[in-house]
Amino acid sequence: MSLRSKTLLALAALALPTAAAAQDMAITNATVAIGDGSDPIEGATVVVRNGRVVAAGPDVAVPADMQAVDGTGRWVTPGLFSAMTSLGLWDVEAVDESNDTAAGNSPFGAALDVAPALNPASQHVAVNRAAGITRASVFSRPSSSIFGGQGAIVDLGADREMLVRPRAFQFVALGEYGARIAGGSRTSAHALLRNALREARQYGMDSRISGVASRPPEQRTGDDLPLDPRLLDNQTERGDDVLLSRFDAAALVPVVNGEQPLYVFAERASDIREVIALKEDFPNLRLVLVGASEGWLVADDIAAANLPVIADPLDDLPASFEQLAATQSNVGRMVAAGVKVAIGGLTGGTGDQARNAPQYAGNLVALTKVPGATGLSWGQAFATISSTPAEISGYGGRFGTLAPGAAGDLVIWDGDPLETSSAAMRVFIDGVEQPLENHQTRLRERYRDLDESDLPKAYDW
């Protein structure tokens, strides 16, 4: 390795601090939101020890060996969990070289894995951390294939390792989005999806048969192969009509086996019903609906199928033919029908960033005051950006909540976090206080006093 390469690696290693020790803390007399859907509690106490929540509520005693911090006038909540975001995958969205959110020319689809591309030093991570977001599920957009690949669960801590769990879910696009990629029709998108799942199922069976067949008969057990033993000597080969590479097929095996959730993007009510119908042929699928702008039309079907939903919260315009029935009451009506709904899909520009999730949740609360609309209570709305996305991601009770034993992810706010006038004052991840400084705050401080001596040289004249 050249001296220059070694120098660059050394500088990269210094770019982020190493993990700090967790702080033990007790915050008293604050307004506390547990994150479980209940309303906030005034005059409550939160205790965190060794990076874990010990207790939170109105009658919590402060341990004798722990100094209490007065939280009067402050709000304390669990850290926010952003569902379906691209945080850590891009620096400048318009610069292709810095944008890893999609792989338009890749020969792979389902096999793509966002984990190696994650950049904890991204300014977007720092900006959203300062807004109270502590955990997120990161995905890549389907582009060369209807499959976007394998997403990851991350934390937004200011250290070198943001990965919590790689290959946490698989993402596939149906509807108009998937149809464009698949050849211009929903019929092709559905055929591609079903064929891919069948190929993956067969690939998994063949691989398991091959593994068992390679062992002596006396080492085989009844648990090895829940198939006709005669298949051991008659293994099927993948034919000429195979559409998946072995890499993609192998990546989908955990999906068809029910070991990895399949997140399916679908907006139209009829598309959602087709997603639900997938369970008839592939009963082990663990499905999660993404988008679902017309979900309220089939809310009872979604609830009966026990499918969680990650929805854009305030879609209310017929931006496409698959969103003709979009309404701001969509989330409220699905929740009222018994559907587990998280706010997600906040991946785009200024008005559509993950850090704006509290504003969207606040709008869902405001809808309860609009005649004819269906909104959410404060506790329900806050759960859509905290405990519910954590549950959908497989971390219920650990992230997005102040329940005993949960990770010490908490945020101290200067007011109601669902009000746009409120801001995060302190952010903790696993009990470690996080820096809130970022490129935006530095620019704010630089020009706050309009001191001309701070202006760049180009402004001297």
Protein backbone atom coordinates (compact mmCIF):
# COMPACT_ATOMS: atom_id res chain seq x y z
CA MET A 1 0.00 0.00 0.00
CA SER A 2 1.36 3.44 -0.91
CA LEU A 3 2.15 6.13 1.67
CA ARG A 4 -0.69 8.25 0.25
CA SER A 5 -3.19 5.39 0.65
CA LYS A 6 -2.07 4.79 4.22
CA THR A 7 -2.44 8.48 4.97
CA LEU A 8 -5.97 8.57 3.54
CA LEU A 9 -6.98 5.53 5.58
CA ALA A 10 -5.60 7.12 8.72
CA LEU A 11 -7.52 10.34 8.06
CA ALA A 12 -10.71 8.36 7.41
CA ALA A 13 -10.28 6.57 10.73
CA LEU A 14 -10.07 9.94 12.49
CA ALA A 15 -13.20 11.31 10.79
CA LEU A 16 -15.53 9.81 13.38
CA PRO A 17 -15.05 9.32 17.11
CA THR A 18 -15.01 5.92 18.73
CA ALA A 19 -17.99 4.83 20.81
CA ALA A 20 -18.30 6.66 24.15
CA ALA A 21 -19.41 5.18 27.45
CA ALA A 22 -23.10 5.18 28.31
CA GLN A 23 -24.29 7.69 30.89
CA ASP A 24 -26.48 6.88 33.88
CA MET A 25 -29.15 9.55 34.22
CA ALA A 26 -32.45 10.44 35.83
CA ILE A 27 -34.66 13.18 34.37
CA THR A 28 -37.45 14.36 36.65
CA ASN A 29 -40.54 16.60 36.40
CA ALA A 30 -40.69 16.31 32.61
CA THR A 31 -43.52 15.62 30.21
CA VAL A 32 -42.75 12.06 29.14
CA ALA A 33 -44.02 10.11 26.13
CA ILE A 34 -43.43 6.38 26.46
CA GLY A 35 -43.96 5.80 22.73
CA ASP A 36 -46.45 2.97 23.13
CA GLY A 37 -49.48 4.88 21.85
CA SER A 38 -50.45 6.33 25.22
CA ASP A 39 -50.78 10.04 25.87
CA PRO A 40 -47.80 11.96 27.33
CA ILE A 41 -47.42 12.01 31.12
CA GLU A 42 -46.77 15.29 32.90
CA GLY A 43 -44.42 15.49 35.89
CA ALA A 44 -42.83 12.12 35.09
CA THR A 45 -39.36 10.68 35.58
CA VAL A 46 -37.10 8.66 33.27
CA VAL A 47 -34.19 6.58 34.60
CA VAL A 48 -31.46 5.17 32.33
CA ARG A 49 -28.60 2.97 33.53
CA ASN A 50 -25.87 1.20 31.55
CA GLY A 51 -27.42 2.28 28.26
CA ARG A 52 -30.85 0.82 29.05
CA VAL A 53 -34.13 2.31 30.23
CA VAL A 54 -34.81 1.26 33.82
CA ALA A 55 -38.17 2.98 34.29
CA ALA A 56 -40.32 5.83 33.01
CA GLY A 57 -43.52 7.18 34.50
CA PRO A 58 -45.13 9.38 37.15
CA ASP A 59 -44.14 7.37 40.26
CA VAL A 60 -40.55 6.46 39.46
CA ALA A 61 -38.01 6.86 42.26
CA VAL A 62 -34.56 8.24 41.48
CA PRO A 63 -31.82 5.79 42.56
CA ALA A 64 -29.76 7.06 45.49
CA ASP A 65 -26.51 6.84 43.51
CA MET A 66 -27.84 8.83 40.57
CA GLN A 67 -28.01 12.60 40.29
CA ALA A 68 -31.34 13.90 39.05
CA VAL A 69 -31.71 16.45 36.27
CA ASP A 70 -34.74 18.73 36.53
CA GLY A 71 -36.78 18.44 33.34
CA THR A 72 -39.38 21.06 34.19
CA GLY A 73 -40.76 22.57 31.00
CA ARG A 74 -39.10 19.87 28.86
CA TRP A 75 -40.43 16.85 27.00
CA VAL A 76 -38.66 13.49 27.07
CA THR A 77 -39.39 10.87 24.42
CA PRO A 78 -37.75 7.78 22.99
CA GLY A 79 -35.56 8.40 19.97
CA LEU A 80 -37.46 8.53 16.70
CA PHE A 81 -37.31 5.55 14.33
CA SER A 82 -37.36 6.45 10.64
CA ALA A 83 -38.91 3.76 8.47
CA MET A 84 -37.89 3.45 4.80
CA THR A 85 -35.19 6.07 4.44
CA SER A 86 -32.00 6.45 2.41
CA LEU A 87 -29.92 8.00 5.20
CA GLY A 88 -26.26 7.12 4.85
CA LEU A 89 -26.51 6.19 1.17
CA TRP A 90 -25.85 9.57 -0.42
CA ASP A 91 -24.04 12.84 0.10
CA VAL A 92 -25.18 14.99 -2.83
CA GLU A 93 -28.27 13.47 -4.41
CA ALA A 94 -27.68 15.05 -7.81
CA VAL A 95 -24.10 13.74 -8.01
CA ASP A 96 -24.26 10.13 -9.17
CA GLU A 97 -20.84 9.29 -7.79
CA SER A 98 -22.00 10.08 -4.25
CA ASN A 99 -25.45 8.54 -4.58
CA ASP A 100 -25.88 4.85 -3.73
CA THR A 101 -29.68 4.86 -3.38
CA ALA A 102 -30.24 2.85 -6.58
CA ALA A 103 -28.25 0.65 -8.96
CA GLY A 104 -29.73 1.32 -12.36
CA ASN A 105 -27.18 -0.65 -14.35
CA SER A 106 -26.60 -3.51 -11.94
CA PRO A 107 -26.96 -7.13 -13.11
CA PHE A 108 -28.32 -7.92 -9.64
CA GLY A 109 -31.51 -7.03 -7.82
CA ALA A 110 -32.49 -9.04 -4.76
CA ALA A 111 -28.84 -9.74 -3.96
CA LEU A 112 -27.99 -6.06 -3.52
CA ASP A 113 -27.11 -5.21 0.08
CA VAL A 114 -27.04 -1.61 1.36
CA ALA A 115 -24.70 -2.40 4.27
CA PRO A 116 -21.34 -1.91 2.48
CA ALA A 117 -22.44 1.50 1.13
CA LEU A 118 -23.50 3.01 4.46
CA ASN A 119 -21.59 6.16 5.39
CA PRO A 120 -21.95 7.18 9.06
CA ALA A 121 -20.06 10.41 8.30
CA SER A 122 -22.76 11.63 5.91
CA GLN A 123 -24.03 15.09 6.81
CA HIS A 124 -27.59 13.84 6.31
CA VAL A 125 -27.04 11.43 9.18
CA ALA A 126 -25.82 14.27 11.39
CA VAL A 127 -28.69 16.59 10.43
CA ASN A 128 -31.34 13.97 11.15
CA ARG A 129 -29.65 12.92 14.39
CA ALA A 130 -29.92 16.53 15.55
CA ALA A 131 -33.65 16.31 14.81
CA GLY A 132 -34.13 13.43 17.24
CA ILE A 133 -33.89 10.45 14.90
CA THR A 134 -31.83 7.69 16.51
CA ARG A 135 -32.67 4.56 14.46
CA ALA A 136 -33.77 3.89 10.89
CA SER A 137 -34.46 1.22 8.31
CA VAL A 138 -32.44 2.00 5.17
CA PHE A 139 -33.35 0.69 1.74
CA SER A 140 -32.21 1.03 -1.86
CA ARG A 141 -34.72 1.82 -4.60
CA PRO A 142 -35.60 -0.82 -7.20
CA SER A 143 -34.07 0.26 -10.47
CA SER A 144 -32.64 -2.40 -12.77
CA SER A 145 -34.97 -4.97 -11.19
CA ILE A 146 -38.29 -4.87 -9.36
CA PHE A 147 -36.21 -5.90 -6.33
CA GLY A 148 -34.36 -3.12 -4.54
CA GLY A 149 -32.30 -5.54 -2.52
CA GLN A 150 -31.68 -6.07 1.15
CA GLY A 151 -32.18 -3.18 3.54
CA ALA A 152 -30.54 -2.62 6.91
CA ILE A 153 -31.43 -1.40 10.38
CA VAL A 154 -29.04 1.35 11.52
CA ASP A 155 -28.42 3.77 14.34
CA LEU A 156 -27.48 7.40 13.79
CA GLY A 157 -24.82 7.59 16.47
CA ALA A 158 -21.73 9.72 15.90
CA ASP A 159 -19.30 6.82 15.72
CA ARG A 160 -17.75 4.60 13.07
CA GLU A 161 -20.35 1.82 13.09
CA MET A 162 -23.97 2.59 12.22
CA LEU A 163 -25.03 -0.91 11.21
CA VAL A 164 -27.40 -2.61 13.68
CA ARG A 165 -28.55 -5.46 11.45
CA PRO A 166 -27.66 -6.11 7.81
CA ARG A 167 -30.02 -7.86 5.41
CA ALA A 168 -32.95 -7.01 7.67
CA PHE A 169 -35.57 -7.04 4.89
CA GLN A 170 -36.03 -7.38 1.15
CA PHE A 171 -37.77 -4.66 -0.90
CA VAL A 172 -39.80 -5.14 -4.09
CA ALA A 173 -41.87 -2.70 -6.13
CA LEU A 174 -45.26 -3.48 -7.68
CA GLY A 175 -47.91 -1.10 -9.01
CA GLU A 176 -46.95 1.55 -11.57
CA TYR A 177 -43.39 1.70 -10.26
CA GLY A 178 -42.79 -2.02 -10.61
CA ALA A 179 -44.63 -2.15 -13.93
CA ARG A 180 -42.24 0.38 -15.49
CA ILE A 181 -39.23 -1.69 -14.47
CA ALA A 182 -40.78 -5.02 -15.41
CA GLY A 183 -41.57 -4.09 -18.99
CA GLY A 184 -44.50 -1.70 -18.84
CA SER A 185 -47.29 -3.71 -17.23
CA ARG A 186 -48.48 -4.90 -13.85
CA THR A 187 -48.96 -8.34 -15.40
CA SER A 188 -45.23 -8.58 -16.02
CA ALA A 189 -44.33 -7.29 -12.55
CA HIS A 190 -46.53 -9.88 -10.85
CA ALA A 191 -45.23 -12.65 -13.10
CA LEU A 192 -41.65 -11.66 -12.33
CA LEU A 193 -42.31 -11.59 -8.60
CA ARG A 194 -44.07 -14.95 -8.47
CA ASN A 195 -41.48 -16.56 -10.71
CA ALA A 196 -38.68 -15.17 -8.54
CA LEU A 197 -40.28 -16.53 -5.38
CA ARG A 198 -40.77 -19.94 -7.00
CA GLU A 199 -37.17 -20.01 -8.22
CA ALA A 200 -35.92 -19.04 -4.78
CA ARG A 201 -38.03 -21.72 -3.15
CA GLN A 202 -36.70 -24.34 -5.57
CA TYR A 203 -33.14 -23.06 -5.17
CA GLY A 204 -33.45 -23.37 -1.41
CA MET A 205 -34.84 -26.89 -1.67
CA ASP A 206 -32.13 -27.94 -4.13
CA SER A 207 -29.42 -26.48 -1.92
CA ARG A 208 -30.75 -28.25 1.13
CA ILE A 209 -31.09 -31.53 -0.74
CA SER A 210 -27.54 -31.14 -2.01
CA GLY A 211 -26.25 -30.51 1.50
CA VAL A 212 -28.04 -33.54 2.89
CA ALA A 213 -27.13 -35.78 -0.03
CA SER A 214 -23.45 -34.99 0.44
CA ARG A 215 -23.54 -36.55 3.91
CA PRO A 216 -23.52 -40.31 4.58
CA PRO A 217 -27.02 -41.74 5.18
CA GLU A 218 -26.22 -42.49 8.82
CA GLN A 219 -25.60 -38.75 9.43
CA ARG A 220 -28.94 -37.67 8.03
CA THR A 221 -31.80 -36.93 10.42
CA GLY A 222 -35.53 -36.54 10.01
CA ASP A 223 -35.17 -32.79 10.55
CA ASP A 224 -32.74 -32.39 7.68
CA LEU A 225 -35.18 -32.66 4.84
CA PRO A 226 -38.96 -32.22 5.07
CA LEU A 227 -39.27 -33.54 1.51
CA ASP A 228 -39.71 -36.85 -0.28
CA PRO A 229 -36.38 -38.68 0.34
CA ARG A 230 -36.46 -39.93 -3.26
CA LEU A 231 -35.53 -36.38 -4.30
CA LEU A 232 -32.10 -36.95 -2.82
CA ASP A 233 -31.15 -39.02 -5.84
CA ASN A 234 -33.10 -36.95 -8.36
CA GLN A 235 -32.11 -33.34 -7.80
CA THR A 236 -33.60 -30.84 -10.21
CA GLU A 237 -31.39 -28.54 -12.22
CA ARG A 238 -32.29 -24.93 -12.94
CA GLY A 239 -33.55 -24.80 -16.49
CA ASP A 240 -32.90 -22.44 -19.38
CA ASP A 241 -35.92 -20.30 -18.50
CA VAL A 242 -34.42 -19.15 -15.21
CA LEU A 243 -34.62 -15.38 -14.79
CA LEU A 244 -32.71 -15.03 -11.52
CA SER A 245 -28.97 -15.32 -11.09
CA ARG A 246 -27.85 -17.73 -8.41
CA PHE A 247 -26.85 -14.73 -6.30
CA ASP A 248 -30.36 -13.23 -6.50
CA ALA A 249 -32.04 -16.61 -5.95
CA ALA A 250 -29.94 -17.26 -2.85
CA ALA A 251 -30.83 -13.80 -1.50
CA LEU A 252 -34.56 -14.59 -1.79
CA VAL A 253 -34.39 -17.96 -0.02
CA PRO A 254 -34.78 -16.33 3.45
CA VAL A 255 -37.82 -14.46 2.10
CA VAL A 256 -39.73 -17.54 0.92
CA ASN A 257 -38.74 -19.35 4.13
CA GLY A 258 -40.20 -16.55 6.25
CA GLU A 259 -36.85 -15.66 7.78
CA GLN A 260 -36.62 -12.22 6.17
CA PRO A 261 -39.57 -9.80 5.74
CA LEU A 262 -40.59 -8.79 2.24
CA TYR A 263 -41.47 -5.10 1.98
CA VAL A 264 -43.79 -4.60 -0.98
CA PHE A 265 -44.47 -1.20 -2.51
CA ALA A 266 -48.09 -0.97 -3.67
CA GLU A 267 -50.44 2.02 -3.73
CA ARG A 268 -53.68 0.95 -5.46
CA ALA A 269 -56.33 -0.99 -3.56
CA SER A 270 -56.39 -3.76 -6.17
CA ASP A 271 -52.59 -4.07 -6.01
CA ILE A 272 -52.79 -4.38 -2.24
CA ARG A 273 -55.28 -7.22 -2.57
CA GLU A 274 -52.87 -8.99 -4.93
CA VAL A 275 -50.11 -8.62 -2.38
CA ILE A 276 -52.32 -10.20 0.27
CA ALA A 277 -53.07 -13.05 -2.16
CA LEU A 278 -49.37 -13.92 -2.35
CA LYS A 279 -49.77 -15.70 0.97
CA GLU A 280 -51.94 -18.33 -0.70
CA ASP A 281 -49.03 -19.64 -2.77
CA PHE A 282 -46.24 -18.63 -0.42
CA PRO A 283 -47.65 -19.04 3.11
CA ASN A 284 -44.35 -18.37 4.86
CA LEU A 285 -44.01 -14.83 3.52
CA ARG A 286 -43.73 -12.09 6.14
CA LEU A 287 -45.21 -9.20 4.18
CA VAL A 288 -45.04 -5.48 4.93
CA LEU A 289 -46.95 -3.01 2.74
CA VAL A 290 -45.17 0.20 1.74
CA GLY A 291 -47.02 3.19 0.29
CA ALA A 292 -50.65 2.02 0.43
CA SER A 293 -52.18 5.39 -0.52
CA GLU A 294 -55.50 3.60 -1.12
CA GLY A 295 -55.06 1.35 1.89
CA TRP A 296 -58.14 2.74 3.61
CA LEU A 297 -60.32 1.18 0.89
CA VAL A 298 -59.12 -2.31 1.87
CA ALA A 299 -58.23 -1.63 5.50
CA ASP A 300 -60.31 -4.55 6.77
CA ASP A 301 -58.53 -6.93 4.38
CA ILE A 302 -55.12 -5.63 5.47
CA ALA A 303 -56.05 -6.01 9.14
CA ALA A 304 -57.42 -9.52 8.60
CA ALA A 305 -54.18 -10.52 6.88
CA ASN A 306 -52.21 -8.98 9.77
CA LEU A 307 -50.04 -6.94 7.40
CA PRO A 308 -48.25 -3.91 8.84
CA VAL A 309 -48.06 -0.79 6.68
CA ILE A 310 -45.41 1.89 6.18
CA ALA A 311 -47.31 4.79 4.64
CA ASP A 312 -46.66 8.27 3.34
CA PRO A 313 -48.75 10.13 5.90
CA LEU A 314 -50.47 12.93 4.03
CA ASP A 315 -50.92 11.83 0.41
CA ASP A 316 -54.15 13.49 -0.64
CA LEU A 317 -53.81 14.22 -4.35
CA PRO A 318 -54.30 11.95 -7.38
CA ALA A 319 -50.65 12.26 -8.31
CA SER A 320 -51.02 9.05 -10.31
CA PHE A 321 -53.82 6.77 -11.41
CA GLU A 322 -53.00 4.40 -8.55
CA GLN A 323 -53.61 7.22 -6.06
CA LEU A 324 -57.01 8.42 -7.23
CA ALA A 325 -58.52 7.61 -3.81
CA ALA A 326 -55.67 9.15 -1.78
CA THR A 327 -56.79 11.02 1.33
CA GLN A 328 -55.15 12.55 4.37
CA SER A 329 -57.43 10.30 6.44
CA ASN A 330 -55.76 7.18 5.03
CA VAL A 331 -53.55 6.47 8.05
CA GLY A 332 -56.28 7.28 10.56
CA ARG A 333 -58.79 5.02 8.85
CA MET A 334 -56.32 2.12 8.62
CA VAL A 335 -55.41 2.46 12.30
CA ALA A 336 -59.11 2.57 13.19
CA ALA A 337 -59.56 -0.72 11.30
CA GLY A 338 -56.82 -2.34 13.37
CA VAL A 339 -53.88 -1.99 10.97
CA LYS A 340 -50.40 -1.38 12.41
CA VAL A 341 -49.18 1.74 10.56
CA ALA A 342 -45.84 3.53 10.64
CA ILE A 343 -44.93 6.76 8.88
CA GLY A 344 -42.24 6.19 6.27
CA GLY A 345 -41.07 6.86 2.76
CA LEU A 346 -39.59 10.22 3.72
CA THR A 347 -36.55 9.99 1.49
CA GLY A 348 -36.58 12.95 -0.87
CA GLY A 349 -35.96 16.69 -0.93
CA THR A 350 -36.51 19.55 1.47
CA GLY A 351 -40.14 18.84 2.29
CA ASP A 352 -39.78 15.09 2.35
CA GLN A 353 -36.91 14.31 4.72
CA ALA A 354 -36.90 11.86 7.59
CA ARG A 355 -36.43 14.71 10.08
CA ASN A 356 -39.84 16.09 9.08
CA ALA A 357 -41.64 13.00 10.40
CA PRO A 358 -42.77 14.74 13.64
CA GLN A 359 -44.44 17.46 11.56
CA TYR A 360 -46.33 14.83 9.56
CA ALA A 361 -47.34 13.03 12.74
CA GLY A 362 -48.55 16.35 14.15
CA ASN A 363 -50.72 16.83 11.09
CA LEU A 364 -52.35 13.47 11.79
CA VAL A 365 -53.27 14.79 15.24
CA ALA A 366 -54.64 18.01 13.72
CA LEU A 367 -56.92 15.97 11.46
CA THR A 368 -58.97 14.97 14.51
CA LYS A 369 -60.23 18.56 14.55
CA VAL A 370 -61.20 18.62 10.88
CA PRO A 371 -64.87 17.80 10.27
CA GLY A 372 -65.25 14.54 8.36
CA ALA A 373 -61.56 13.62 8.61
CA THR A 374 -60.02 10.76 10.54
CA GLY A 375 -56.82 11.45 12.41
CA LEU A 376 -54.91 10.00 15.34
CA SER A 377 -54.57 10.83 19.00
CA TRP A 378 -51.24 12.34 20.10
CA GLY A 379 -50.04 9.02 21.46
CA GLN A 380 -51.08 7.10 18.35
CA ALA A 381 -49.41 9.64 16.06
CA PHE A 382 -46.17 9.59 18.03
CA ALA A 383 -46.13 5.78 17.91
CA THR A 384 -46.11 5.93 14.10
CA ILE A 385 -42.63 7.48 14.27
CA SER A 386 -41.27 5.60 17.27
CA SER A 387 -42.46 2.21 18.55
CA THR A 388 -44.48 1.07 15.52
CA PRO A 389 -41.67 1.28 12.92
CA ALA A 390 -39.42 -0.43 15.47
CA GLU A 391 -41.95 -3.26 15.84
CA ILE A 392 -42.28 -3.64 12.08
CA SER A 393 -38.49 -3.87 11.85
CA GLY A 394 -38.37 -6.63 14.46
CA TYR A 395 -37.26 -4.45 17.38
CA GLY A 396 -40.47 -4.04 19.31
CA GLY A 397 -39.79 -3.27 22.95
CA ARG A 398 -36.16 -2.41 22.25
CA PHE A 399 -36.26 0.75 20.12
CA GLY A 400 -38.78 3.59 19.89
CA THR A 401 -40.02 3.15 23.46
CA LEU A 402 -39.14 4.04 27.04
CA ALA A 403 -40.32 0.68 28.33
CA PRO A 404 -38.05 -0.99 30.91
CA GLY A 405 -35.16 -2.78 29.21
CA ALA A 406 -35.35 -0.75 26.01
CA ALA A 407 -32.23 0.84 24.55
CA GLY A 408 -31.36 4.16 26.14
CA ASP A 409 -32.35 6.12 23.04
CA LEU A 410 -34.07 9.26 24.25
CA VAL A 411 -34.53 12.86 23.24
CA ILE A 412 -35.03 15.92 25.43
CA TRP A 413 -37.15 18.53 23.63
CA ASP A 414 -37.84 22.15 24.43
CA GLY A 415 -41.55 21.62 23.76
CA ASP A 416 -44.09 19.28 22.20
CA PRO A 417 -42.07 17.31 19.59
CA LEU A 418 -45.05 17.22 17.22
CA GLU A 419 -45.09 21.02 17.05
CA THR A 420 -42.91 22.61 14.37
CA SER A 421 -41.71 25.24 16.84
CA SER A 422 -40.05 22.59 19.06
CA ALA A 423 -36.50 21.33 18.73
CA ALA A 424 -34.36 18.56 20.18
CA MET A 425 -32.06 19.89 22.91
CA ARG A 426 -30.20 16.67 23.77
CA VAL A 427 -30.13 13.30 22.02
CA PHE A 428 -28.93 10.00 23.49
CA ILE A 429 -28.32 6.67 21.73
CA ASP A 430 -27.73 3.64 23.95
CA GLY A 431 -27.30 6.10 26.81
CA VAL A 432 -24.53 8.01 25.03
CA GLU A 433 -25.14 11.72 24.45
CA GLN A 434 -24.74 12.64 20.81
CA PRO A 435 -23.31 15.80 19.24
CA LEU A 436 -25.93 17.94 17.53
CA GLU A 437 -23.51 19.98 15.46
CA ASN A 438 -23.67 19.56 11.70
CA HIS A 439 -23.01 21.50 8.53
CA GLN A 440 -26.31 23.35 8.82
CA THR A 441 -25.74 24.45 12.42
CA ARG A 442 -22.23 25.63 11.57
CA LEU A 443 -23.58 27.74 8.71
CA ARG A 444 -26.27 29.13 11.01
CA GLU A 445 -23.73 30.17 13.61
CA ARG A 446 -21.36 31.60 11.02
CA TYR A 447 -23.91 34.01 9.61
CA ARG A 448 -26.11 34.58 12.67
CA ASP A 449 -24.58 37.98 13.52
CA LEU A 450 -24.00 39.03 9.89
CA ASP A 451 -20.41 39.96 10.78
CA GLU A 452 -18.86 40.82 7.42
CA SER A 453 -15.45 39.63 8.59
CA ASP A 454 -16.83 36.10 8.37
CA LEU A 455 -17.77 36.44 4.71
CA PRO A 456 -15.76 34.54 2.13
CA LYS A 457 -13.00 36.46 0.32
CA ALA A 458 -15.16 36.71 -2.78
CA TYR A 459 -17.37 39.20 -0.94
CA ASP A 460 -14.55 41.63 -0.04
CA TRP A 461 -15.17 43.85 -3.02
